[in-house]
Amino acid sequence: MFVDSHCHLDFKDFDADRAEVLARARAAKVAMMVTISTKITEAAQIIALAEAHDELACTIGIHPHEAGSQPETSAAQLVELSRHPKVIGIGETGLDYYYEHSPRAAQQRNFRAHIEAARLSGLPLIVHARDADEDTADIMEDEMGKGAYPALIHCFTAGPELAERALAMGCYISISGIATFNSAKQLRQTIETIPLERLLIETDAPFLAPVPHRGKRNEPSFVADTAAALAELKGVSVAQLAQATSDNFFALFTKADRVGFDQRAG
């Protein structure tokens, strides 16, 4: 059974057929999905969605794209929201210098507040990094020096340097459908160097549908295609890949419902 460790099922893209999307995920042996927060102002909605479905959990946070427009939120406020039983992580947060929808200074302040919240709560930090590898690693290492915190680099697209620095900090790395793209040869070479015991899988739905669904709206059921490609890359069976990435998920997301997952898998 698979875990989709990062999707956005609260997005309007799924309003018309969310129930069918969840049914297809179950049919594809996806027994847990984490719907990821991007706006703190929508915390109540994302928690309500997770409450409505046993196979869903959620996070609380502000995406770097939203760092300049969402209310500046303290670590203490994030920790308070994270006390809900369905909230299992902090984020997504991080840095995006590709689109720069928010000023870099606001992104960096937001990132550090989320790191502090992860440290205080013990919940894993979900990190978005695009065209900002050096600053991402520098900030994470600087904050790690103030006290350890668990973290996941989601939708990994960077090169070996960020992978090495993240692994040295004890982070996990999540692989999306991008790894199946023909253009992702360099990324696949980096993934080959990452230990299987540090890998998770995700869709980032509704974005980044893997081959053979590229160009379509992504959804959690498609994580099985990413898993198949990753299994081939790592030289293991799909069943072994599913087991390893699920075990890794629960090792990192310690608040997630492993008992419920195993019951659905059984």
C-alpha atoms as a PDB file:
ATOM      1  CA  MET A   1       0.000   0.000   0.000  1.00  0.00           C
ATOM      2  CA  PHE A   2       1.159   3.531  -0.804  1.00  0.00           C
ATOM      3  CA  VAL A   3       1.243   6.851   1.038  1.00  0.00           C
ATOM      4  CA  ASP A   4       0.857  10.034  -1.004  1.00  0.00           C
ATOM      5  CA  SER A   5       2.896  12.217   1.330  1.00  0.00           C
ATOM      6  CA  HIS A   6       2.051  15.517  -0.383  1.00  0.00           C
ATOM      7  CA  CYS A   7      -1.073  16.547  -2.269  1.00  0.00           C
ATOM      8  CA  HIS A   8      -3.517  19.462  -2.272  1.00  0.00           C
ATOM      9  CA  LEU A   9      -6.946  17.877  -2.158  1.00  0.00           C
ATOM     10  CA  ASP A  10      -8.433  21.043  -0.677  1.00  0.00           C
ATOM     11  CA  PHE A  11      -7.784  22.923  -3.940  1.00  0.00           C
ATOM     12  CA  LYS A  12     -10.729  23.897  -6.120  1.00  0.00           C
ATOM     13  CA  ASP A  13      -9.394  21.604  -8.850  1.00  0.00           C
ATOM     14  CA  PHE A  14     -11.057  18.735  -6.941  1.00  0.00           C
ATOM     15  CA  ASP A  15     -14.342  20.381  -5.985  1.00  0.00           C
ATOM     16  CA  ALA A  16     -16.338  18.677  -8.736  1.00  0.00           C
ATOM     17  CA  ASP A  17     -15.187  15.104  -8.104  1.00  0.00           C
ATOM     18  CA  ARG A  18     -13.291  14.868  -4.802  1.00  0.00           C
ATOM     19  CA  ALA A  19     -15.183  11.735  -3.713  1.00  0.00           C
ATOM     20  CA  GLU A  20     -14.335   9.981  -6.984  1.00  0.00           C
ATOM     21  CA  VAL A  21     -10.677  11.032  -6.666  1.00  0.00           C
ATOM     22  CA  LEU A  22     -10.523   9.467  -3.204  1.00  0.00           C
ATOM     23  CA  ALA A  23     -12.209   6.299  -4.471  1.00  0.00           C
ATOM     24  CA  ARG A  24      -9.659   5.979  -7.277  1.00  0.00           C
ATOM     25  CA  ALA A  25      -6.869   6.439  -4.747  1.00  0.00           C
ATOM     26  CA  ARG A  26      -8.226   3.603  -2.621  1.00  0.00           C
ATOM     27  CA  ALA A  27      -8.517   1.401  -5.713  1.00  0.00           C
ATOM     28  CA  ALA A  28      -4.865   2.159  -6.533  1.00  0.00           C
ATOM     29  CA  LYS A  29      -3.850   1.009  -3.020  1.00  0.00           C
ATOM     30  CA  VAL A  30      -3.156   4.506  -1.707  1.00  0.00           C
ATOM     31  CA  ALA A  31      -4.074   4.044   1.950  1.00  0.00           C
ATOM     32  CA  MET A  32      -3.029   7.468   3.255  1.00  0.00           C
ATOM     33  CA  MET A  33      -2.813  10.955   1.777  1.00  0.00           C
ATOM     34  CA  VAL A  34      -1.532  14.182   3.319  1.00  0.00           C
ATOM     35  CA  THR A  35      -3.241  17.313   2.055  1.00  0.00           C
ATOM     36  CA  ILE A  36      -0.778  20.147   2.471  1.00  0.00           C
ATOM     37  CA  SER A  37      -1.515  23.659   3.687  1.00  0.00           C
ATOM     38  CA  THR A  38      -0.460  26.663   1.607  1.00  0.00           C
ATOM     39  CA  LYS A  39      -2.455  29.440   3.340  1.00  0.00           C
ATOM     40  CA  ILE A  40      -2.859  29.869   7.076  1.00  0.00           C
ATOM     41  CA  THR A  41      -6.153  31.675   6.457  1.00  0.00           C
ATOM     42  CA  GLU A  42      -7.567  28.383   5.137  1.00  0.00           C
ATOM     43  CA  ALA A  43      -6.475  26.275   8.119  1.00  0.00           C
ATOM     44  CA  ALA A  44     -10.046  25.562   9.217  1.00  0.00           C
ATOM     45  CA  GLN A  45     -11.049  24.286   5.775  1.00  0.00           C
ATOM     46  CA  ILE A  46      -8.062  21.981   5.370  1.00  0.00           C
ATOM     47  CA  ILE A  47      -8.528  20.532   8.863  1.00  0.00           C
ATOM     48  CA  ALA A  48     -12.234  19.969   8.170  1.00  0.00           C
ATOM     49  CA  LEU A  49     -11.394  18.088   4.969  1.00  0.00           C
ATOM     50  CA  ALA A  50      -8.940  15.845   6.836  1.00  0.00           C
ATOM     51  CA  GLU A  51     -11.511  15.254   9.600  1.00  0.00           C
ATOM     52  CA  ALA A  52     -14.040  14.064   7.019  1.00  0.00           C
ATOM     53  CA  HIS A  53     -11.911  11.164   5.713  1.00  0.00           C
ATOM     54  CA  ASP A  54     -10.034   8.497   7.656  1.00  0.00           C
ATOM     55  CA  GLU A  55      -7.340   8.197   4.996  1.00  0.00           C
ATOM     56  CA  LEU A  56      -6.528  11.930   5.050  1.00  0.00           C
ATOM     57  CA  ALA A  57      -4.204  13.887   7.304  1.00  0.00           C
ATOM     58  CA  CYS A  58      -3.086  17.484   6.859  1.00  0.00           C
ATOM     59  CA  THR A  59      -0.470  20.091   7.693  1.00  0.00           C
ATOM     60  CA  ILE A  60      -0.509  23.738   8.747  1.00  0.00           C
ATOM     61  CA  GLY A  61       1.622  26.371   7.085  1.00  0.00           C
ATOM     62  CA  ILE A  62       2.235  29.123   4.542  1.00  0.00           C
ATOM     63  CA  HIS A  63       3.738  28.389   1.122  1.00  0.00           C
ATOM     64  CA  PRO A  64       6.613  30.693   0.096  1.00  0.00           C
ATOM     65  CA  HIS A  65       4.443  32.007  -2.745  1.00  0.00           C
ATOM     66  CA  GLU A  66       2.008  33.262  -0.092  1.00  0.00           C
ATOM     67  CA  ALA A  67       4.563  34.636   2.386  1.00  0.00           C
ATOM     68  CA  GLY A  68       4.019  38.221   1.244  1.00  0.00           C
ATOM     69  CA  SER A  69       0.213  38.128   1.228  1.00  0.00           C
ATOM     70  CA  GLN A  70      -0.769  35.875   4.135  1.00  0.00           C
ATOM     71  CA  PRO A  71      -0.730  37.207   7.711  1.00  0.00           C
ATOM     72  CA  GLU A  72       2.750  36.923   9.183  1.00  0.00           C
ATOM     73  CA  THR A  73       2.343  33.980  11.547  1.00  0.00           C
ATOM     74  CA  SER A  74       4.508  33.245  14.563  1.00  0.00           C
ATOM     75  CA  ALA A  75       5.902  29.872  15.534  1.00  0.00           C
ATOM     76  CA  ALA A  76       3.640  29.908  18.601  1.00  0.00           C
ATOM     77  CA  GLN A  77       0.539  30.376  16.419  1.00  0.00           C
ATOM     78  CA  LEU A  78       1.611  27.525  14.149  1.00  0.00           C
ATOM     79  CA  VAL A  79       2.230  25.263  17.135  1.00  0.00           C
ATOM     80  CA  GLU A  80      -1.200  26.029  18.555  1.00  0.00           C
ATOM     81  CA  LEU A  81      -2.908  25.132  15.262  1.00  0.00           C
ATOM     82  CA  SER A  82      -0.804  21.987  14.994  1.00  0.00           C
ATOM     83  CA  ARG A  83      -2.314  20.534  18.177  1.00  0.00           C
ATOM     84  CA  HIS A  84      -5.309  19.246  16.219  1.00  0.00           C
ATOM     85  CA  PRO A  85      -5.139  15.421  15.933  1.00  0.00           C
ATOM     86  CA  LYS A  86      -5.303  15.497  12.142  1.00  0.00           C
ATOM     87  CA  VAL A  87      -2.392  17.940  11.758  1.00  0.00           C
ATOM     88  CA  ILE A  88       0.782  15.894  11.361  1.00  0.00           C
ATOM     89  CA  GLY A  89       3.277  18.382   9.904  1.00  0.00           C
ATOM     90  CA  ILE A  90       4.363  22.025   9.581  1.00  0.00           C
ATOM     91  CA  GLY A  91       4.340  23.637   6.136  1.00  0.00           C
ATOM     92  CA  GLU A  92       4.720  23.664   3.343  1.00  0.00           C
ATOM     93  CA  THR A  93       7.270  26.401   3.724  1.00  0.00           C
ATOM     94  CA  GLY A  94      10.653  27.198   2.226  1.00  0.00           C
ATOM     95  CA  LEU A  95      12.010  29.376  -0.558  1.00  0.00           C
ATOM     96  CA  ASP A  96      11.051  29.880  -4.199  1.00  0.00           C
ATOM     97  CA  TYR A  97      13.311  32.229  -6.138  1.00  0.00           C
ATOM     98  CA  TYR A  98      12.033  31.013  -9.519  1.00  0.00           C
ATOM     99  CA  TYR A  99       8.646  32.738  -9.444  1.00  0.00           C
ATOM    100  CA  GLU A 100       9.346  35.147  -6.558  1.00  0.00           C
ATOM    101  CA  HIS A 101       5.642  35.695  -5.904  1.00  0.00           C
ATOM    102  CA  SER A 102       6.721  36.973  -2.464  1.00  0.00           C
ATOM    103  CA  PRO A 103       9.745  39.073  -1.456  1.00  0.00           C
ATOM    104  CA  ARG A 104      12.740  36.990  -0.491  1.00  0.00           C
ATOM    105  CA  ALA A 105      12.968  38.590   2.946  1.00  0.00           C
ATOM    106  CA  ALA A 106       9.342  37.645   3.688  1.00  0.00           C
ATOM    107  CA  GLN A 107       9.957  34.094   2.473  1.00  0.00           C
ATOM    108  CA  GLN A 108      12.995  33.767   4.728  1.00  0.00           C
ATOM    109  CA  ARG A 109      11.187  35.106   7.813  1.00  0.00           C
ATOM    110  CA  ASN A 110       8.290  32.759   7.105  1.00  0.00           C
ATOM    111  CA  PHE A 111      10.686  29.830   6.669  1.00  0.00           C
ATOM    112  CA  ARG A 112      12.427  30.465   9.985  1.00  0.00           C
ATOM    113  CA  ALA A 113       9.115  30.772  11.853  1.00  0.00           C
ATOM    114  CA  HIS A 114       8.018  27.415  10.472  1.00  0.00           C
ATOM    115  CA  ILE A 115      11.328  25.817  11.418  1.00  0.00           C
ATOM    116  CA  GLU A 116      10.912  27.078  14.971  1.00  0.00           C
ATOM    117  CA  ALA A 117       7.395  25.635  15.033  1.00  0.00           C
ATOM    118  CA  ALA A 118       8.714  22.261  13.861  1.00  0.00           C
ATOM    119  CA  ARG A 119      11.354  22.358  16.572  1.00  0.00           C
ATOM    120  CA  LEU A 120       8.832  23.249  19.292  1.00  0.00           C
ATOM    121  CA  SER A 121       6.127  20.818  18.184  1.00  0.00           C
ATOM    122  CA  GLY A 122       8.333  17.935  17.098  1.00  0.00           C
ATOM    123  CA  LEU A 123       6.307  17.704  13.878  1.00  0.00           C
ATOM    124  CA  PRO A 124       8.198  17.429  10.592  1.00  0.00           C
ATOM    125  CA  LEU A 125       8.817  20.490   8.463  1.00  0.00           C
ATOM    126  CA  ILE A 126       7.752  20.214   4.804  1.00  0.00           C
ATOM    127  CA  VAL A 127      10.211  22.205   2.693  1.00  0.00           C
ATOM    128  CA  HIS A 128       9.632  23.660  -0.779  1.00  0.00           C
ATOM    129  CA  ALA A 129      12.852  24.674  -2.548  1.00  0.00           C
ATOM    130  CA  ARG A 130      13.050  26.008  -6.091  1.00  0.00           C
ATOM    131  CA  ASP A 131      16.038  27.896  -7.489  1.00  0.00           C
ATOM    132  CA  ALA A 132      17.049  28.548  -3.879  1.00  0.00           C
ATOM    133  CA  ASP A 133      19.111  25.512  -2.939  1.00  0.00           C
ATOM    134  CA  GLU A 134      21.984  27.346  -1.260  1.00  0.00           C
ATOM    135  CA  ASP A 135      19.829  29.675   0.830  1.00  0.00           C
ATOM    136  CA  THR A 136      17.499  26.799   1.740  1.00  0.00           C
ATOM    137  CA  ALA A 137      20.351  24.645   3.030  1.00  0.00           C
ATOM    138  CA  ASP A 138      22.075  27.607   4.725  1.00  0.00           C
ATOM    139  CA  ILE A 139      18.951  28.567   6.668  1.00  0.00           C
ATOM    140  CA  MET A 140      18.160  24.970   7.593  1.00  0.00           C
ATOM    141  CA  GLU A 141      21.694  24.369   8.839  1.00  0.00           C
ATOM    142  CA  ASP A 142      21.725  27.649  10.754  1.00  0.00           C
ATOM    143  CA  GLU A 143      18.431  26.761  12.423  1.00  0.00           C
ATOM    144  CA  MET A 144      19.574  23.193  13.075  1.00  0.00           C
ATOM    145  CA  GLY A 145      22.390  24.733  15.116  1.00  0.00           C
ATOM    146  CA  LYS A 146      19.753  26.246  17.423  1.00  0.00           C
ATOM    147  CA  GLY A 147      18.143  22.848  18.019  1.00  0.00           C
ATOM    148  CA  ALA A 148      17.285  19.804  15.953  1.00  0.00           C
ATOM    149  CA  TYR A 149      13.995  19.424  14.087  1.00  0.00           C
ATOM    150  CA  PRO A 150      12.661  16.776  11.662  1.00  0.00           C
ATOM    151  CA  ALA A 151      12.295  17.794   8.017  1.00  0.00           C
ATOM    152  CA  LEU A 152      11.342  16.630   4.542  1.00  0.00           C
ATOM    153  CA  ILE A 153      12.469  18.166   1.244  1.00  0.00           C
ATOM    154  CA  HIS A 154       9.316  17.717  -0.824  1.00  0.00           C
ATOM    155  CA  CYS A 155       9.068  17.370  -4.606  1.00  0.00           C
ATOM    156  CA  PHE A 156      12.844  17.099  -4.838  1.00  0.00           C
ATOM    157  CA  THR A 157      14.215  18.564  -8.082  1.00  0.00           C
ATOM    158  CA  ALA A 158      17.639  19.776  -6.947  1.00  0.00           C
ATOM    159  CA  GLY A 159      21.097  18.418  -7.553  1.00  0.00           C
ATOM    160  CA  PRO A 160      23.444  16.369  -5.403  1.00  0.00           C
ATOM    161  CA  GLU A 161      24.620  19.229  -3.184  1.00  0.00           C
ATOM    162  CA  LEU A 162      21.231  19.935  -1.618  1.00  0.00           C
ATOM    163  CA  ALA A 163      20.601  16.208  -1.309  1.00  0.00           C
ATOM    164  CA  GLU A 164      23.906  15.708   0.502  1.00  0.00           C
ATOM    165  CA  ARG A 165      23.340  18.648   2.845  1.00  0.00           C
ATOM    166  CA  ALA A 166      19.760  17.595   3.580  1.00  0.00           C
ATOM    167  CA  LEU A 167      20.762  14.007   4.300  1.00  0.00           C
ATOM    168  CA  ALA A 168      23.575  15.201   6.560  1.00  0.00           C
ATOM    169  CA  MET A 169      20.941  17.054   8.609  1.00  0.00           C
ATOM    170  CA  GLY A 170      18.881  13.879   8.922  1.00  0.00           C
ATOM    171  CA  CYS A 171      16.202  15.006   6.474  1.00  0.00           C
ATOM    172  CA  TYR A 172      14.048  12.795   4.284  1.00  0.00           C
ATOM    173  CA  ILE A 173      13.517  13.467   0.570  1.00  0.00           C
ATOM    174  CA  SER A 174      10.234  13.061  -1.303  1.00  0.00           C
ATOM    175  CA  ILE A 175      10.063  12.171  -4.997  1.00  0.00           C
ATOM    176  CA  SER A 176       7.275  13.374  -7.273  1.00  0.00           C
ATOM    177  CA  GLY A 177       6.214  12.586 -10.815  1.00  0.00           C
ATOM    178  CA  ILE A 178       8.951  14.867 -12.142  1.00  0.00           C
ATOM    179  CA  ALA A 179      11.302  11.878 -11.787  1.00  0.00           C
ATOM    180  CA  THR A 180       9.369  10.150 -14.604  1.00  0.00           C
ATOM    181  CA  PHE A 181       9.822  13.010 -17.090  1.00  0.00           C
ATOM    182  CA  ASN A 182      12.143  12.401 -20.047  1.00  0.00           C
ATOM    183  CA  SER A 183      13.932  15.646 -19.242  1.00  0.00           C
ATOM    184  CA  ALA A 184      14.776  14.598 -15.671  1.00  0.00           C
ATOM    185  CA  LYS A 185      17.905  12.538 -16.356  1.00  0.00           C
ATOM    186  CA  GLN A 186      20.089  14.548 -13.959  1.00  0.00           C
ATOM    187  CA  LEU A 187      17.450  14.313 -11.228  1.00  0.00           C
ATOM    188  CA  ARG A 188      17.286  10.540 -11.630  1.00  0.00           C
ATOM    189  CA  GLN A 189      21.067  10.365 -11.281  1.00  0.00           C
ATOM    190  CA  THR A 190      20.834  12.222  -7.974  1.00  0.00           C
ATOM    191  CA  ILE A 191      17.977  10.013  -6.753  1.00  0.00           C
ATOM    192  CA  GLU A 192      20.156   6.959  -7.378  1.00  0.00           C
ATOM    193  CA  THR A 193      22.546   8.268  -4.685  1.00  0.00           C
ATOM    194  CA  ILE A 194      19.853   8.778  -2.027  1.00  0.00           C
ATOM    195  CA  PRO A 195      19.443   5.837   0.376  1.00  0.00           C
ATOM    196  CA  LEU A 196      16.105   4.050   0.066  1.00  0.00           C
ATOM    197  CA  GLU A 197      15.556   4.469   3.817  1.00  0.00           C
ATOM    198  CA  ARG A 198      15.351   8.262   3.351  1.00  0.00           C
ATOM    199  CA  LEU A 199      12.875   8.356   0.451  1.00  0.00           C
ATOM    200  CA  LEU A 200       9.160   9.144   0.353  1.00  0.00           C
ATOM    201  CA  ILE A 201       6.804   9.438  -2.621  1.00  0.00           C
ATOM    202  CA  GLU A 202       4.195  12.064  -3.454  1.00  0.00           C
ATOM    203  CA  THR A 203       2.019  13.461  -6.219  1.00  0.00           C
ATOM    204  CA  ASP A 204       1.874  17.193  -5.395  1.00  0.00           C
ATOM    205  CA  ALA A 205      -1.586  16.869  -6.976  1.00  0.00           C
ATOM    206  CA  PRO A 206      -3.120  18.605  -8.850  1.00  0.00           C
ATOM    207  CA  PHE A 207       0.316  19.472 -10.286  1.00  0.00           C
ATOM    208  CA  LEU A 208       3.063  17.447 -11.991  1.00  0.00           C
ATOM    209  CA  ALA A 209       1.243  14.340 -13.159  1.00  0.00           C
ATOM    210  CA  PRO A 210       3.742  11.547 -13.845  1.00  0.00           C
ATOM    211  CA  VAL A 211       4.200   9.689 -17.105  1.00  0.00           C
ATOM    212  CA  PRO A 212       1.911   8.223 -18.511  1.00  0.00           C
ATOM    213  CA  HIS A 213      -0.541  10.881 -17.262  1.00  0.00           C
ATOM    214  CA  ARG A 214       1.553  13.941 -18.053  1.00  0.00           C
ATOM    215  CA  GLY A 215      -0.580  16.888 -19.133  1.00  0.00           C
ATOM    216  CA  LYS A 216      -3.569  15.745 -17.076  1.00  0.00           C
ATOM    217  CA  ARG A 217      -4.672  16.927 -13.649  1.00  0.00           C
ATOM    218  CA  ASN A 218      -2.628  14.956 -11.150  1.00  0.00           C
ATOM    219  CA  GLU A 219      -4.356  12.989  -8.382  1.00  0.00           C
ATOM    220  CA  PRO A 220      -3.249  10.675  -5.540  1.00  0.00           C
ATOM    221  CA  SER A 221      -3.909   7.445  -7.456  1.00  0.00           C
ATOM    222  CA  PHE A 222      -1.073   8.402  -9.810  1.00  0.00           C
ATOM    223  CA  VAL A 223       1.476   8.006  -6.999  1.00  0.00           C
ATOM    224  CA  ALA A 224       1.559   4.338  -8.007  1.00  0.00           C
ATOM    225  CA  ASP A 225       3.145   5.331 -11.335  1.00  0.00           C
ATOM    226  CA  THR A 226       5.830   7.350  -9.595  1.00  0.00           C
ATOM    227  CA  ALA A 227       6.417   4.424  -7.236  1.00  0.00           C
ATOM    228  CA  ALA A 228       6.888   2.039 -10.173  1.00  0.00           C
ATOM    229  CA  ALA A 229       9.439   4.341 -11.804  1.00  0.00           C
ATOM    230  CA  LEU A 230      11.280   4.860  -8.517  1.00  0.00           C
ATOM    231  CA  ALA A 231      11.345   1.121  -7.810  1.00  0.00           C
ATOM    232  CA  GLU A 232      12.985   0.490 -11.173  1.00  0.00           C
ATOM    233  CA  LEU A 233      15.510   3.258 -10.511  1.00  0.00           C
ATOM    234  CA  LYS A 234      16.407   1.842  -7.103  1.00  0.00           C
ATOM    235  CA  GLY A 235      16.485  -1.781  -8.276  1.00  0.00           C
ATOM    236  CA  VAL A 236      13.727  -3.063  -5.997  1.00  0.00           C
ATOM    237  CA  SER A 237      10.227  -4.416  -6.537  1.00  0.00           C
ATOM    238  CA  VAL A 238       7.224  -2.103  -6.375  1.00  0.00           C
ATOM    239  CA  ALA A 239       6.108  -3.951  -3.233  1.00  0.00           C
ATOM    240  CA  GLN A 240       9.479  -3.326  -1.583  1.00  0.00           C
ATOM    241  CA  LEU A 241       9.374   0.329  -2.631  1.00  0.00           C
ATOM    242  CA  ALA A 242       5.850   0.713  -1.230  1.00  0.00           C
ATOM    243  CA  GLN A 243       6.867  -0.887   2.062  1.00  0.00           C
ATOM    244  CA  ALA A 244      10.032   1.171   2.413  1.00  0.00           C
ATOM    245  CA  THR A 245       8.476   4.522   1.577  1.00  0.00           C
ATOM    246  CA  SER A 246       5.478   3.848   3.823  1.00  0.00           C
ATOM    247  CA  ASP A 247       7.759   2.850   6.705  1.00  0.00           C
ATOM    248  CA  ASN A 248       9.835   5.983   6.104  1.00  0.00           C
ATOM    249  CA  PHE A 249       6.702   8.112   6.119  1.00  0.00           C
ATOM    250  CA  PHE A 250       5.597   6.832   9.517  1.00  0.00           C
ATOM    251  CA  ALA A 251       9.133   7.103  10.911  1.00  0.00           C
ATOM    252  CA  LEU A 252       9.061  10.808  10.032  1.00  0.00           C
ATOM    253  CA  PHE A 253       5.388  11.640  10.552  1.00  0.00           C
ATOM    254  CA  THR A 254       5.129  10.080  13.977  1.00  0.00           C
ATOM    255  CA  LYS A 255       1.701  11.601  14.639  1.00  0.00           C
ATOM    256  CA  ALA A 256       0.165   9.891  11.583  1.00  0.00           C
ATOM    257  CA  ASP A 257      -2.273   7.030  12.114  1.00  0.00           C
ATOM    258  CA  ARG A 258      -0.229   3.895  11.353  1.00  0.00           C
ATOM    259  CA  VAL A 259      -2.862   1.625  12.853  1.00  0.00           C
ATOM    260  CA  GLY A 260      -5.540   2.952  10.508  1.00  0.00           C
ATOM    261  CA  PHE A 261      -3.171   2.679   7.555  1.00  0.00           C
ATOM    262  CA  ASP A 262      -2.379  -0.939   8.343  1.00  0.00           C
ATOM    263  CA  GLN A 263      -6.068  -1.759   8.754  1.00  0.00           C
ATOM    264  CA  ARG A 264      -6.878  -0.256   5.361  1.00  0.00           C
ATOM    265  CA  ALA A 265      -3.897  -2.064   3.862  1.00  0.00           C
ATOM    266  CA  GLY A 266      -4.984  -5.363   5.430  1.00  0.00           C
END
